Amino acid sequence: MLKISGAVLSAALVLSTFAATAQAAMEVKVSDNLYSVTVADQGPGDSVPIPGILQTNISQFYFWGLNDATITGAGSPVLGEGALALNTLDIAVGTPTTLTVALSENDEMLPTGPAYLNQQFSLTSLSGNATVTLTGYESNSNKLFDTTGLATKPLSLSAVGGVTDSSAVGLFKAPYSLTEVATIVFQTCGELDLQFTGNLAASPVPEPASILLFGTVLAAAGLVMRKRFVTNN
């Protein structure tokens, strides 16, 4: 669960004042086999009046089979360029079903060029029987919810306390979009107290000069350790 303190909200409000003219679009989409609903940052259904933080309870839209579901998404300017955070809290379903929760943001400008797409996933609470699979995407098309570009390896968890991560490398061209897609398979119905966090972040690939320097330092350290070993023996 994403906990937003008063200090964070105040800082985000200040940042949003400077970034209002260049704010990226962020949306949450929830769907099952029959229906789909989308909530935009600062749009109807968003309960947090701060750009870059989107919180909504999908049950207000009378979503079929979904009795309760609080979803929180965070992006720029709160997290900075090239980062997303998706959280869920207290999902209750009226019937066993498969639910897809996606968070997407476009107009990401940094990093560009060769970069890593890093996805981290943790399951902090689950009182029922469900499996959650999370995948991160980057798309140079800059379209929201575009899953045709670079993708991380799907991560699946069904036990509380599990933490896993994966990475993919590609060529990022600004502006681009980032998307996290969580697929939740419910084997039982009722209040599941399902809480998970997915953090998606882009990071630049180290330049060859930096890698060479790092390798040189390691080689030098190895020679020093070898010399000491020979001297001591």
Protein backbone atom coordinates (compact mmCIF):
# COMPACT_ATOMS: atom_id res chain seq x y z
CA MET A 1 0.00 0.00 0.00
CA LEU A 2 1.26 3.42 -0.89
CA LYS A 3 1.28 5.68 2.18
CA ILE A 4 1.24 9.36 1.31
CA SER A 5 2.31 11.67 4.14
CA GLY A 6 1.38 15.31 4.54
CA ALA A 7 4.97 16.32 3.75
CA VAL A 8 4.93 14.36 0.51
CA LEU A 9 1.61 15.88 -0.51
CA SER A 10 2.91 19.40 0.22
CA ALA A 11 6.08 18.81 -1.75
CA ALA A 12 4.11 17.35 -4.63
CA LEU A 13 1.84 20.40 -4.67
CA VAL A 14 4.87 22.68 -4.94
CA LEU A 15 6.39 20.57 -7.70
CA SER A 16 3.12 20.49 -9.60
CA THR A 17 3.07 24.29 -9.68
CA PHE A 18 6.28 24.32 -11.70
CA ALA A 19 5.41 21.31 -13.85
CA ALA A 20 1.75 22.06 -14.62
CA THR A 21 2.45 23.20 -18.16
CA ALA A 22 4.42 20.05 -19.02
CA GLN A 23 2.49 17.48 -17.01
CA ALA A 24 2.32 14.01 -18.50
CA ALA A 25 -1.01 12.21 -18.75
CA MET A 26 -1.53 9.36 -16.28
CA GLU A 27 -4.48 6.96 -16.17
CA VAL A 28 -5.64 3.81 -14.38
CA LYS A 29 -7.68 1.21 -16.25
CA VAL A 30 -9.53 -1.69 -14.61
CA SER A 31 -11.24 -4.38 -16.66
CA ASP A 32 -12.59 -7.92 -16.58
CA ASN A 33 -14.17 -10.07 -19.26
CA LEU A 34 -17.23 -7.83 -19.52
CA TYR A 35 -16.53 -4.25 -18.50
CA SER A 36 -13.74 -1.68 -18.38
CA VAL A 37 -13.38 1.67 -16.63
CA THR A 38 -10.62 4.29 -16.92
CA VAL A 39 -9.81 7.06 -14.44
CA ALA A 40 -7.47 9.92 -15.39
CA ASP A 41 -5.20 11.85 -13.05
CA GLN A 42 -7.14 14.95 -11.92
CA GLY A 43 -10.26 13.59 -13.63
CA PRO A 44 -13.62 12.32 -12.34
CA GLY A 45 -13.07 9.55 -9.81
CA ASP A 46 -9.59 10.73 -8.72
CA SER A 47 -9.78 11.52 -4.98
CA VAL A 48 -6.32 13.13 -4.64
CA PRO A 49 -6.17 16.69 -6.08
CA ILE A 50 -2.45 16.61 -6.81
CA PRO A 51 -0.90 16.05 -10.24
CA GLY A 52 1.15 12.87 -10.26
CA ILE A 53 -0.92 11.03 -7.63
CA LEU A 54 -4.07 9.18 -8.68
CA GLN A 55 -6.28 7.39 -6.17
CA THR A 56 -9.66 5.90 -6.91
CA ASN A 57 -12.16 3.36 -5.64
CA ILE A 58 -13.44 1.57 -8.72
CA SER A 59 -16.56 0.32 -6.90
CA GLN A 60 -18.05 3.83 -7.26
CA PHE A 61 -18.58 3.00 -10.93
CA TYR A 62 -20.69 -0.07 -10.07
CA PHE A 63 -18.16 -2.36 -11.68
CA TRP A 64 -19.61 -5.84 -12.21
CA GLY A 65 -18.35 -8.39 -9.70
CA LEU A 66 -16.18 -5.81 -7.93
CA ASN A 67 -17.49 -4.76 -4.53
CA ASP A 68 -14.50 -2.70 -3.46
CA ALA A 69 -11.09 -1.80 -4.90
CA THR A 70 -8.91 1.12 -3.89
CA ILE A 71 -6.14 1.71 -6.42
CA THR A 72 -3.33 4.24 -6.17
CA GLY A 73 -0.93 5.27 -8.91
CA ALA A 74 2.02 7.65 -8.75
CA GLY A 75 4.12 9.13 -11.54
CA SER A 76 5.80 12.39 -12.49
CA PRO A 77 6.20 14.98 -11.09
CA VAL A 78 6.02 13.12 -7.74
CA LEU A 79 8.43 10.31 -8.64
CA GLY A 80 10.36 12.11 -11.37
CA GLU A 81 10.81 11.14 -15.00
CA GLY A 82 10.74 7.50 -16.01
CA ALA A 83 9.02 6.04 -12.94
CA LEU A 84 5.62 4.61 -11.99
CA ALA A 85 4.21 3.06 -8.80
CA LEU A 86 1.02 1.00 -8.72
CA ASN A 87 -0.67 -0.03 -5.46
CA THR A 88 -3.91 -1.79 -4.56
CA LEU A 89 -5.78 -2.02 -1.25
CA ASP A 90 -8.76 -4.04 -0.04
CA ILE A 91 -10.08 -5.62 -3.22
CA ALA A 92 -13.39 -7.46 -2.76
CA VAL A 93 -15.05 -9.47 -5.50
CA GLY A 94 -18.55 -10.93 -5.68
CA THR A 95 -17.52 -13.91 -7.76
CA PRO A 96 -14.27 -15.65 -8.76
CA THR A 97 -12.96 -13.70 -11.72
CA THR A 98 -9.89 -12.37 -13.49
CA LEU A 99 -9.24 -8.66 -13.08
CA THR A 100 -6.73 -6.52 -14.98
CA VAL A 101 -5.41 -3.34 -13.35
CA ALA A 102 -3.17 -1.11 -15.47
CA LEU A 103 -1.37 2.16 -14.76
CA SER A 104 0.08 4.18 -17.62
CA GLU A 105 1.77 7.54 -18.15
CA ASN A 106 3.10 9.15 -21.33
CA ASP A 107 5.39 12.07 -22.24
CA GLU A 108 8.34 10.60 -20.34
CA MET A 109 11.51 12.42 -21.39
CA LEU A 110 14.30 10.80 -19.37
CA PRO A 111 16.29 8.66 -19.67
CA THR A 112 16.75 8.33 -23.42
CA GLY A 113 19.01 6.16 -25.54
CA PRO A 114 20.09 2.71 -24.26
CA ALA A 115 18.27 2.17 -20.97
CA TYR A 116 17.03 -0.47 -18.57
CA LEU A 117 13.38 -0.99 -17.71
CA ASN A 118 13.30 -2.24 -14.12
CA GLN A 119 10.18 -3.79 -12.58
CA GLN A 120 9.91 -4.61 -8.85
CA PHE A 121 6.90 -6.38 -7.38
CA SER A 122 5.93 -7.12 -3.78
CA LEU A 123 2.84 -8.72 -2.23
CA THR A 124 2.22 -7.42 1.30
CA SER A 125 -1.25 -8.77 2.16
CA LEU A 126 -3.57 -11.49 0.87
CA SER A 127 -6.34 -12.98 3.00
CA GLY A 128 -7.90 -15.07 0.19
CA ASN A 129 -6.84 -17.23 -2.71
CA ALA A 130 -5.48 -15.23 -5.64
CA THR A 131 -2.47 -14.96 -7.93
CA VAL A 132 -1.10 -11.65 -9.19
CA THR A 133 1.08 -11.31 -12.29
CA LEU A 134 2.76 -7.98 -13.05
CA THR A 135 4.49 -6.81 -16.25
CA GLY A 136 6.14 -3.49 -17.11
CA TYR A 137 6.19 -1.91 -20.57
CA GLU A 138 7.94 0.96 -22.37
CA SER A 139 6.68 2.24 -25.71
CA ASN A 140 8.30 4.78 -28.01
CA SER A 141 4.84 5.36 -29.53
CA ASN A 142 4.07 7.45 -26.42
CA LYS A 143 0.55 5.98 -26.33
CA LEU A 144 -1.09 5.21 -23.01
CA PHE A 145 -1.46 1.49 -22.24
CA ASP A 146 0.65 0.48 -25.24
CA THR A 147 2.05 -2.99 -24.55
CA THR A 148 3.64 -3.62 -27.95
CA GLY A 149 7.08 -2.22 -27.09
CA LEU A 150 9.76 -3.23 -24.60
CA ALA A 151 8.48 -5.53 -21.84
CA THR A 152 9.89 -6.96 -18.63
CA LYS A 153 9.52 -10.63 -17.76
CA PRO A 154 6.09 -11.24 -16.15
CA LEU A 155 6.36 -11.54 -12.37
CA SER A 156 3.89 -13.71 -10.42
CA LEU A 157 3.22 -13.89 -6.69
CA SER A 158 0.63 -15.73 -4.63
CA ALA A 159 2.23 -15.66 -1.17
CA VAL A 160 2.50 -12.75 1.25
CA GLY A 161 5.99 -11.39 1.74
CA GLY A 162 7.18 -12.28 -1.71
CA VAL A 163 9.36 -9.78 -3.55
CA THR A 164 10.62 -10.25 -7.08
CA ASP A 165 12.02 -8.14 -9.90
CA SER A 166 13.01 -8.25 -13.55
CA SER A 167 14.69 -5.98 -16.10
CA ALA A 168 14.77 -5.46 -19.85
CA VAL A 169 17.04 -3.28 -21.95
CA GLY A 170 16.10 -1.27 -25.01
CA LEU A 171 16.48 1.99 -26.90
CA PHE A 172 14.28 4.69 -25.38
CA LYS A 173 13.17 7.57 -27.61
CA ALA A 174 11.51 10.57 -25.97
CA PRO A 175 8.69 11.12 -25.51
CA TYR A 176 7.71 7.61 -24.52
CA SER A 177 5.11 5.94 -22.33
CA LEU A 178 5.41 3.57 -19.37
CA THR A 179 2.75 1.04 -18.37
CA GLU A 180 2.31 -1.47 -15.55
CA VAL A 181 -0.25 -4.24 -16.04
CA ALA A 182 -1.36 -6.42 -13.12
CA THR A 183 -3.49 -9.49 -13.85
CA ILE A 184 -5.29 -10.78 -10.74
CA VAL A 185 -6.85 -14.24 -10.82
CA PHE A 186 -9.32 -14.73 -7.96
CA GLN A 187 -10.10 -18.36 -7.10
CA THR A 188 -12.47 -17.30 -4.30
CA CYS A 189 -14.83 -14.38 -3.73
CA GLY A 190 -15.30 -11.94 -0.85
CA GLU A 191 -12.98 -9.46 0.89
CA LEU A 192 -9.43 -10.53 0.05
CA ASP A 193 -7.47 -7.65 1.61
CA LEU A 194 -5.18 -7.83 -1.42
CA GLN A 195 -2.33 -5.36 -1.22
CA PHE A 196 0.57 -5.25 -3.65
CA THR A 197 3.05 -2.70 -4.96
CA GLY A 198 4.63 -2.52 -8.38
CA ASN A 199 7.47 -0.09 -9.00
CA LEU A 200 8.54 0.51 -12.59
CA ALA A 201 11.59 2.66 -13.32
CA ALA A 202 13.87 3.41 -16.26
CA SER A 203 17.61 3.86 -15.80
CA PRO A 204 20.33 4.65 -18.36
CA VAL A 205 22.78 2.00 -19.46
CA PRO A 206 26.28 2.93 -18.19
CA GLU A 207 28.51 4.47 -20.84
CA PRO A 208 31.42 2.31 -22.11
CA ALA A 209 33.93 4.69 -20.51
CA SER A 210 32.26 4.24 -17.14
CA ILE A 211 32.25 0.46 -17.54
CA LEU A 212 35.93 0.49 -18.56
CA LEU A 213 36.83 2.62 -15.55
CA PHE A 214 34.90 0.30 -13.23
CA GLY A 215 36.65 -2.73 -14.76
CA THR A 216 40.06 -1.08 -14.34
CA VAL A 217 39.36 -0.40 -10.66
CA LEU A 218 38.33 -4.01 -10.09
CA ALA A 219 41.46 -5.28 -11.88
CA ALA A 220 43.69 -3.02 -9.80
CA ALA A 221 42.01 -4.18 -6.61
CA GLY A 222 42.55 -7.77 -7.68
CA LEU A 223 46.27 -7.18 -8.27
CA VAL A 224 46.66 -5.57 -4.86
CA MET A 225 44.92 -8.50 -3.14
CA ARG A 226 47.07 -11.00 -5.11
CA LYS A 227 50.28 -9.13 -4.16
CA ARG A 228 49.30 -9.18 -0.49
CA PHE A 229 48.52 -12.90 -0.66
CA VAL A 230 51.92 -13.68 -2.26
CA THR A 231 53.75 -11.50 0.29
CA ASN A 232 52.01 -13.14 3.24
CA ASN A 233 52.90 -16.60 1.95
